[in-house]
Amino acid sequence: MAKELGADHVLNVAGGDALPQDSELVFEASGAPSALGGVLRATARGGTLVQVGNLPGAAAPFALGDLVTREITWVGAYRFVEEISDALAALRDGLDVSGVVTHRFGIEDAGAALAAAAGPESSKVLIRLATA
């Protein structure tokens, strides 16, 4: 999907692609604790890891030794401040998001929408709040 939307290079780590080991700047956007080991190893010595994905509020076990031994800077980036207004304006103006929306539901099927969003085949799940 990323390739279809214009990405120059994509990797499928679930399919066996290895992450690079020398990226000066890495963005972790999944928020999955299981991804942290790989992205820490993908960050070059002295590089920066930007945590965009929201990590769970509960304890999550992972090794952070690479932060110290490889002198990695790990910073957080809260992604929802003014971006929501910009995104809504872009949608209003006709931005085509059909490539990332994998499921669409009416508000009456909100439970099914949440179940679909939790599934492995979903990217973005859209819930229509009104029929108009």
C-alpha atoms as a PDB file:
ATOM      1  CA  MET A   1       0.000   0.000   0.000  1.00  0.00           C
ATOM      2  CA  ALA A   2       2.857   2.409   0.817  1.00  0.00           C
ATOM      3  CA  LYS A   3       4.370   1.809  -2.630  1.00  0.00           C
ATOM      4  CA  GLU A   4       1.020   2.537  -4.305  1.00  0.00           C
ATOM      5  CA  LEU A   5       0.818   5.803  -2.383  1.00  0.00           C
ATOM      6  CA  GLY A   6       4.229   6.973  -3.575  1.00  0.00           C
ATOM      7  CA  ALA A   7       6.842   5.543  -1.198  1.00  0.00           C
ATOM      8  CA  ASP A   8      10.216   5.179  -2.903  1.00  0.00           C
ATOM      9  CA  HIS A   9      11.283   2.108  -0.934  1.00  0.00           C
ATOM     10  CA  VAL A  10       9.289  -0.248   1.251  1.00  0.00           C
ATOM     11  CA  LEU A  11      10.176  -3.181   3.479  1.00  0.00           C
ATOM     12  CA  ASN A  12       7.952  -5.975   4.733  1.00  0.00           C
ATOM     13  CA  VAL A  13       9.548  -7.157   7.957  1.00  0.00           C
ATOM     14  CA  ALA A  14       6.696  -9.636   8.461  1.00  0.00           C
ATOM     15  CA  GLY A  15       7.662 -11.118   5.096  1.00  0.00           C
ATOM     16  CA  GLY A  16      11.335 -11.428   6.015  1.00  0.00           C
ATOM     17  CA  ASP A  17      12.788  -8.117   4.817  1.00  0.00           C
ATOM     18  CA  ALA A  18      15.538  -6.909   7.140  1.00  0.00           C
ATOM     19  CA  LEU A  19      15.635  -3.358   8.424  1.00  0.00           C
ATOM     20  CA  PRO A  20      18.778  -1.380   7.585  1.00  0.00           C
ATOM     21  CA  GLN A  21      21.318  -1.050  10.387  1.00  0.00           C
ATOM     22  CA  ASP A  22      22.607   2.453   9.769  1.00  0.00           C
ATOM     23  CA  SER A  23      19.764   4.955   9.458  1.00  0.00           C
ATOM     24  CA  GLU A  24      20.585   8.343  10.956  1.00  0.00           C
ATOM     25  CA  LEU A  25      16.899   9.151  11.481  1.00  0.00           C
ATOM     26  CA  VAL A  26      14.249   6.510  12.217  1.00  0.00           C
ATOM     27  CA  PHE A  27      10.522   6.976  12.800  1.00  0.00           C
ATOM     28  CA  GLU A  28       8.617   4.314  14.744  1.00  0.00           C
ATOM     29  CA  ALA A  29       4.952   4.825  13.930  1.00  0.00           C
ATOM     30  CA  SER A  30       3.299   1.534  14.897  1.00  0.00           C
ATOM     31  CA  GLY A  31       3.331   1.954  18.663  1.00  0.00           C
ATOM     32  CA  ALA A  32       3.933  -1.794  18.988  1.00  0.00           C
ATOM     33  CA  PRO A  33       6.453  -2.609  21.736  1.00  0.00           C
ATOM     34  CA  SER A  34       7.606  -5.594  19.668  1.00  0.00           C
ATOM     35  CA  ALA A  35       8.880  -3.163  17.003  1.00  0.00           C
ATOM     36  CA  LEU A  36      11.256  -1.291  19.315  1.00  0.00           C
ATOM     37  CA  GLY A  37      14.135  -3.770  19.236  1.00  0.00           C
ATOM     38  CA  GLY A  38      14.259  -3.703  15.458  1.00  0.00           C
ATOM     39  CA  VAL A  39      14.044   0.057  15.128  1.00  0.00           C
ATOM     40  CA  LEU A  40      16.707   0.573  17.807  1.00  0.00           C
ATOM     41  CA  ARG A  41      19.039  -1.724  15.848  1.00  0.00           C
ATOM     42  CA  ALA A  42      18.113   0.090  12.618  1.00  0.00           C
ATOM     43  CA  THR A  43      19.170   3.428  14.119  1.00  0.00           C
ATOM     44  CA  ALA A  44      22.808   4.310  13.455  1.00  0.00           C
ATOM     45  CA  ARG A  45      25.223   4.946  16.313  1.00  0.00           C
ATOM     46  CA  GLY A  46      24.560   8.538  17.376  1.00  0.00           C
ATOM     47  CA  GLY A  47      21.320   8.594  15.349  1.00  0.00           C
ATOM     48  CA  THR A  48      17.849   9.686  16.360  1.00  0.00           C
ATOM     49  CA  LEU A  49      14.746   7.573  16.840  1.00  0.00           C
ATOM     50  CA  VAL A  50      11.474   9.518  16.729  1.00  0.00           C
ATOM     51  CA  GLN A  51       8.635   7.750  18.523  1.00  0.00           C
ATOM     52  CA  VAL A  52       5.419   8.685  16.710  1.00  0.00           C
ATOM     53  CA  GLY A  53       3.383   5.571  17.502  1.00  0.00           C
ATOM     54  CA  ASN A  54       1.667   5.732  20.870  1.00  0.00           C
ATOM     55  CA  LEU A  55       3.119   3.036  23.132  1.00  0.00           C
ATOM     56  CA  PRO A  56       0.768   1.276  25.566  1.00  0.00           C
ATOM     57  CA  GLY A  57       0.269   2.779  29.008  1.00  0.00           C
ATOM     58  CA  ALA A  58       1.079  -0.552  30.643  1.00  0.00           C
ATOM     59  CA  ALA A  59       4.555  -1.971  31.171  1.00  0.00           C
ATOM     60  CA  ALA A  60       6.064  -3.484  28.029  1.00  0.00           C
ATOM     61  CA  PRO A  61       9.283  -5.510  28.205  1.00  0.00           C
ATOM     62  CA  PHE A  62      12.043  -4.591  25.772  1.00  0.00           C
ATOM     63  CA  ALA A  63      15.793  -4.092  25.975  1.00  0.00           C
ATOM     64  CA  LEU A  64      16.908  -0.469  25.918  1.00  0.00           C
ATOM     65  CA  GLY A  65      20.656  -1.078  26.155  1.00  0.00           C
ATOM     66  CA  ASP A  66      21.176   0.188  22.598  1.00  0.00           C
ATOM     67  CA  LEU A  67      20.060   3.662  23.686  1.00  0.00           C
ATOM     68  CA  VAL A  68      23.137   3.941  25.888  1.00  0.00           C
ATOM     69  CA  THR A  69      25.753   1.801  24.166  1.00  0.00           C
ATOM     70  CA  ARG A  70      25.049   3.246  20.722  1.00  0.00           C
ATOM     71  CA  GLU A  71      24.288   6.791  21.968  1.00  0.00           C
ATOM     72  CA  ILE A  72      20.870   6.945  20.316  1.00  0.00           C
ATOM     73  CA  THR A  73      18.629   9.939  20.918  1.00  0.00           C
ATOM     74  CA  TRP A  74      15.013   8.840  21.421  1.00  0.00           C
ATOM     75  CA  VAL A  75      12.388  11.571  21.217  1.00  0.00           C
ATOM     76  CA  GLY A  76       8.629  11.525  21.196  1.00  0.00           C
ATOM     77  CA  ALA A  77       6.435  13.372  18.715  1.00  0.00           C
ATOM     78  CA  TYR A  78       2.795  13.880  19.613  1.00  0.00           C
ATOM     79  CA  ARG A  79       1.023  13.682  16.305  1.00  0.00           C
ATOM     80  CA  PHE A  80      -2.408  15.105  17.001  1.00  0.00           C
ATOM     81  CA  VAL A  81      -2.396  18.804  17.730  1.00  0.00           C
ATOM     82  CA  GLU A  82      -3.200  21.000  14.719  1.00  0.00           C
ATOM     83  CA  GLU A  83      -2.935  18.110  12.247  1.00  0.00           C
ATOM     84  CA  ILE A  84      -6.563  17.067  12.770  1.00  0.00           C
ATOM     85  CA  SER A  85      -7.858  20.390  11.439  1.00  0.00           C
ATOM     86  CA  ASP A  86      -5.464  20.165   8.487  1.00  0.00           C
ATOM     87  CA  ALA A  87      -6.538  16.582   7.758  1.00  0.00           C
ATOM     88  CA  LEU A  88     -10.235  17.446   7.894  1.00  0.00           C
ATOM     89  CA  ALA A  89      -9.690  20.383   5.544  1.00  0.00           C
ATOM     90  CA  ALA A  90      -7.758  18.163   3.127  1.00  0.00           C
ATOM     91  CA  LEU A  91     -10.571  15.585   3.171  1.00  0.00           C
ATOM     92  CA  ARG A  92     -13.157  18.316   2.641  1.00  0.00           C
ATOM     93  CA  ASP A  93     -11.138  19.572  -0.330  1.00  0.00           C
ATOM     94  CA  GLY A  94     -11.135  16.138  -1.964  1.00  0.00           C
ATOM     95  CA  LEU A  95      -8.007  14.341  -0.757  1.00  0.00           C
ATOM     96  CA  ASP A  96      -8.270  10.741  -1.966  1.00  0.00           C
ATOM     97  CA  VAL A  97      -7.635   8.405   0.969  1.00  0.00           C
ATOM     98  CA  SER A  98      -9.169   5.341  -0.635  1.00  0.00           C
ATOM     99  CA  GLY A  99      -5.747   3.682  -0.760  1.00  0.00           C
ATOM    100  CA  VAL A 100      -5.421   3.571   3.027  1.00  0.00           C
ATOM    101  CA  VAL A 101      -9.049   3.011   4.059  1.00  0.00           C
ATOM    102  CA  THR A 102      -9.547  -0.743   4.194  1.00  0.00           C
ATOM    103  CA  HIS A 103     -12.997  -0.812   5.811  1.00  0.00           C
ATOM    104  CA  ARG A 104     -16.055   1.469   5.908  1.00  0.00           C
ATOM    105  CA  PHE A 105     -18.943   1.179   8.373  1.00  0.00           C
ATOM    106  CA  GLY A 106     -22.003   3.159   9.343  1.00  0.00           C
ATOM    107  CA  ILE A 107     -22.325   4.365  12.926  1.00  0.00           C
ATOM    108  CA  GLU A 108     -24.856   1.588  13.560  1.00  0.00           C
ATOM    109  CA  ASP A 109     -22.037  -0.932  12.991  1.00  0.00           C
ATOM    110  CA  ALA A 110     -19.480   0.770  15.243  1.00  0.00           C
ATOM    111  CA  GLY A 111     -18.818  -2.464  17.157  1.00  0.00           C
ATOM    112  CA  ALA A 112     -17.947  -4.299  13.954  1.00  0.00           C
ATOM    113  CA  ALA A 113     -15.772  -1.350  12.907  1.00  0.00           C
ATOM    114  CA  LEU A 114     -13.755  -1.549  16.124  1.00  0.00           C
ATOM    115  CA  ALA A 115     -13.351  -5.302  15.686  1.00  0.00           C
ATOM    116  CA  ALA A 116     -12.141  -4.781  12.114  1.00  0.00           C
ATOM    117  CA  ALA A 117      -9.694  -2.088  13.246  1.00  0.00           C
ATOM    118  CA  ALA A 118      -8.152  -4.539  15.712  1.00  0.00           C
ATOM    119  CA  GLY A 119      -7.646  -7.138  12.997  1.00  0.00           C
ATOM    120  CA  PRO A 120      -4.451  -7.728  11.033  1.00  0.00           C
ATOM    121  CA  GLU A 121      -6.044  -6.955   7.645  1.00  0.00           C
ATOM    122  CA  SER A 122      -7.007  -3.390   8.486  1.00  0.00           C
ATOM    123  CA  SER A 123      -5.141  -0.191   7.812  1.00  0.00           C
ATOM    124  CA  LYS A 124      -7.639   2.589   8.492  1.00  0.00           C
ATOM    125  CA  VAL A 125     -11.267   1.962   9.371  1.00  0.00           C
ATOM    126  CA  LEU A 126     -13.802   4.678   8.555  1.00  0.00           C
ATOM    127  CA  ILE A 127     -17.028   5.114  10.518  1.00  0.00           C
ATOM    128  CA  ARG A 128     -19.659   7.291   8.831  1.00  0.00           C
ATOM    129  CA  LEU A 129     -21.402   9.323  11.533  1.00  0.00           C
ATOM    130  CA  ALA A 130     -24.231  10.394   9.222  1.00  0.00           C
ATOM    131  CA  THR A 131     -25.641   9.388   5.855  1.00  0.00           C
ATOM    132  CA  ALA A 132     -25.290  12.856   4.306  1.00  0.00           C
END
